[in-house]
Amino acid sequence: KEELERKAQEEHNRKVEEEKEKLKERNEMMKNDEYTKTIEDLCDVSYKELVFDSDICDWKMNSSTFDRHVLKRKHLVFLIENENGEMLVVGLSCGAVT
C-alpha cells in the first residue's frame, strides 16, 4: 500500500512539473497580452506569472493539481471565462492561500 501511495505521489509530482513547463510557454504569450494589461489596470497589479491554466493543468475532481500550483501564494488574480467568452476577474490579495 505504501509503495502504491509513493508511486501515485511521484506521478502527481511529475505531472505538476510537466504542467509548469507548459505554463512557462504560456507565460511568454501572456506578458504582453491585451487582457493582461487590462487586468493589471483594473486590479492595480503587475503581471508576474501564470500559475494555473485549466486548459493545461489537471482540473479533474480526484486528480486536480490546482492546489499544488496556488497554495502558499499571495496576490492571486483568477480569470474565469464562461462558454460565451465572458470573463470574471477575481483578485485575492489577503495573504497566502493555504
C-alpha atoms as a PDB file:
ATOM      1  CA  LYS A   1       0.000   0.000   0.000  1.00  0.00           C
ATOM      2  CA  GLU A   2       2.785   2.461   0.883  1.00  0.00           C
ATOM      3  CA  GLU A   3       4.533   1.650  -2.388  1.00  0.00           C
ATOM      4  CA  LEU A   4       1.363   2.425  -4.359  1.00  0.00           C
ATOM      5  CA  GLU A   5       0.929   5.708  -2.486  1.00  0.00           C
ATOM      6  CA  ARG A   6       4.556   6.638  -3.144  1.00  0.00           C
ATOM      7  CA  LYS A   7       4.197   5.881  -6.852  1.00  0.00           C
ATOM      8  CA  ALA A   8       0.976   7.882  -7.054  1.00  0.00           C
ATOM      9  CA  GLN A   9       2.690  10.838  -5.385  1.00  0.00           C
ATOM     10  CA  GLU A  10       5.660  10.586  -7.757  1.00  0.00           C
ATOM     11  CA  GLU A  11       3.303  10.528 -10.754  1.00  0.00           C
ATOM     12  CA  HIS A  12       1.414  13.541  -9.376  1.00  0.00           C
ATOM     13  CA  ASN A  13       4.702  15.426  -8.891  1.00  0.00           C
ATOM     14  CA  ARG A  14       5.810  14.551 -12.432  1.00  0.00           C
ATOM     15  CA  LYS A  15       2.510  15.816 -13.821  1.00  0.00           C
ATOM     16  CA  VAL A  16       2.845  19.101 -11.910  1.00  0.00           C
ATOM     17  CA  GLU A  17       6.374  19.623 -13.281  1.00  0.00           C
ATOM     18  CA  GLU A  18       5.173  18.993 -16.843  1.00  0.00           C
ATOM     19  CA  GLU A  19       2.361  21.496 -16.318  1.00  0.00           C
ATOM     20  CA  LYS A  20       4.808  24.102 -15.003  1.00  0.00           C
ATOM     21  CA  GLU A  21       6.880  23.766 -18.191  1.00  0.00           C
ATOM     22  CA  LYS A  22       3.815  24.319 -20.351  1.00  0.00           C
ATOM     23  CA  LEU A  23       2.804  27.281 -18.168  1.00  0.00           C
ATOM     24  CA  LYS A  24       6.214  28.879 -18.806  1.00  0.00           C
ATOM     25  CA  GLU A  25       5.459  28.868 -22.522  1.00  0.00           C
ATOM     26  CA  ARG A  26       2.011  30.386 -21.947  1.00  0.00           C
ATOM     27  CA  ASN A  27       3.572  32.993 -19.649  1.00  0.00           C
ATOM     28  CA  GLU A  28       5.588  34.428 -22.522  1.00  0.00           C
ATOM     29  CA  MET A  29       2.400  34.964 -24.506  1.00  0.00           C
ATOM     30  CA  MET A  30       0.573  36.491 -21.537  1.00  0.00           C
ATOM     31  CA  LYS A  31       3.178  39.102 -20.649  1.00  0.00           C
ATOM     32  CA  ASN A  32       2.203  41.495 -23.449  1.00  0.00           C
ATOM     33  CA  ASP A  33      -1.364  40.357 -23.950  1.00  0.00           C
ATOM     34  CA  GLU A  34      -4.148  42.968 -24.176  1.00  0.00           C
ATOM     35  CA  TYR A  35      -6.206  41.181 -21.493  1.00  0.00           C
ATOM     36  CA  THR A  36      -3.203  41.088 -19.168  1.00  0.00           C
ATOM     37  CA  LYS A  37      -2.734  44.861 -19.475  1.00  0.00           C
ATOM     38  CA  THR A  38      -6.434  45.457 -18.799  1.00  0.00           C
ATOM     39  CA  ILE A  39      -6.387  43.240 -15.716  1.00  0.00           C
ATOM     40  CA  GLU A  40      -3.270  44.961 -14.431  1.00  0.00           C
ATOM     41  CA  ASP A  41      -5.092  48.284 -14.699  1.00  0.00           C
ATOM     42  CA  LEU A  42      -8.344  47.012 -13.179  1.00  0.00           C
ATOM     43  CA  CYS A  43      -6.733  45.207 -10.260  1.00  0.00           C
ATOM     44  CA  ASP A  44      -3.823  47.607  -9.764  1.00  0.00           C
ATOM     45  CA  VAL A  45      -1.348  44.743 -10.000  1.00  0.00           C
ATOM     46  CA  SER A  46       1.606  43.830 -12.187  1.00  0.00           C
ATOM     47  CA  TYR A  47       1.629  40.552 -14.049  1.00  0.00           C
ATOM     48  CA  LYS A  48       4.258  38.181 -12.732  1.00  0.00           C
ATOM     49  CA  GLU A  49       3.383  34.679 -13.845  1.00  0.00           C
ATOM     50  CA  LEU A  50       0.600  32.335 -14.780  1.00  0.00           C
ATOM     51  CA  VAL A  51       0.408  29.663 -12.089  1.00  0.00           C
ATOM     52  CA  PHE A  52      -2.615  27.627 -13.223  1.00  0.00           C
ATOM     53  CA  ASP A  53      -4.471  27.257 -16.506  1.00  0.00           C
ATOM     54  CA  SER A  54      -7.297  24.745 -16.719  1.00  0.00           C
ATOM     55  CA  ASP A  55      -6.505  24.241 -20.426  1.00  0.00           C
ATOM     56  CA  ILE A  56      -3.047  22.980 -19.423  1.00  0.00           C
ATOM     57  CA  CYS A  57      -3.353  21.751 -15.842  1.00  0.00           C
ATOM     58  CA  ASP A  58      -5.366  18.842 -14.483  1.00  0.00           C
ATOM     59  CA  TRP A  59      -8.708  20.081 -13.165  1.00  0.00           C
ATOM     60  CA  LYS A  60     -10.436  16.729 -12.621  1.00  0.00           C
ATOM     61  CA  MET A  61     -12.146  16.068  -9.300  1.00  0.00           C
ATOM     62  CA  ASN A  62      -9.861  13.312  -7.964  1.00  0.00           C
ATOM     63  CA  SER A  63      -6.583  14.243  -9.620  1.00  0.00           C
ATOM     64  CA  SER A  64      -6.554  18.055  -9.778  1.00  0.00           C
ATOM     65  CA  THR A  65      -3.196  19.764  -9.448  1.00  0.00           C
ATOM     66  CA  PHE A  66      -4.770  23.152  -8.638  1.00  0.00           C
ATOM     67  CA  ASP A  67      -3.662  23.062  -5.007  1.00  0.00           C
ATOM     68  CA  ARG A  68      -0.034  22.352  -5.929  1.00  0.00           C
ATOM     69  CA  HIS A  69       0.020  25.426  -8.149  1.00  0.00           C
ATOM     70  CA  VAL A  70      -1.710  28.016  -5.944  1.00  0.00           C
ATOM     71  CA  LEU A  71      -1.150  27.100  -2.295  1.00  0.00           C
ATOM     72  CA  LYS A  72       1.163  29.391  -0.316  1.00  0.00           C
ATOM     73  CA  ARG A  73       0.944  32.151  -2.957  1.00  0.00           C
ATOM     74  CA  LYS A  74      -0.140  35.722  -2.323  1.00  0.00           C
ATOM     75  CA  HIS A  75      -1.828  38.304  -4.518  1.00  0.00           C
ATOM     76  CA  LEU A  76      -3.604  35.992  -6.931  1.00  0.00           C
ATOM     77  CA  VAL A  77      -5.932  37.073  -9.702  1.00  0.00           C
ATOM     78  CA  PHE A  78      -8.383  34.491 -11.041  1.00  0.00           C
ATOM     79  CA  LEU A  79      -9.837  34.793 -14.551  1.00  0.00           C
ATOM     80  CA  ILE A  80     -12.937  32.749 -15.125  1.00  0.00           C
ATOM     81  CA  GLU A  81     -14.227  32.535 -18.682  1.00  0.00           C
ATOM     82  CA  ASN A  82     -17.629  31.058 -19.441  1.00  0.00           C
ATOM     83  CA  GLU A  83     -18.689  29.265 -22.613  1.00  0.00           C
ATOM     84  CA  ASN A  84     -19.809  32.598 -24.132  1.00  0.00           C
ATOM     85  CA  GLY A  85     -16.340  34.113 -23.754  1.00  0.00           C
ATOM     86  CA  GLU A  86     -17.432  36.416 -20.923  1.00  0.00           C
ATOM     87  CA  MET A  87     -14.788  36.944 -18.237  1.00  0.00           C
ATOM     88  CA  LEU A  88     -15.000  37.328 -14.499  1.00  0.00           C
ATOM     89  CA  VAL A  89     -11.886  38.638 -12.775  1.00  0.00           C
ATOM     90  CA  VAL A  90     -11.413  37.955  -9.069  1.00  0.00           C
ATOM     91  CA  GLY A  91      -8.445  39.310  -7.128  1.00  0.00           C
ATOM     92  CA  LEU A  92      -7.196  37.782  -3.895  1.00  0.00           C
ATOM     93  CA  SER A  93      -4.558  39.814  -2.082  1.00  0.00           C
ATOM     94  CA  CYS A  94      -5.136  38.930   1.552  1.00  0.00           C
ATOM     95  CA  GLY A  95      -2.169  36.670   2.166  1.00  0.00           C
ATOM     96  CA  ALA A  96      -1.256  33.225   1.018  1.00  0.00           C
ATOM     97  CA  VAL A  97      -3.872  30.659   0.104  1.00  0.00           C
ATOM     98  CA  THR A  98      -3.431  27.726   2.458  1.00  0.00           C
END
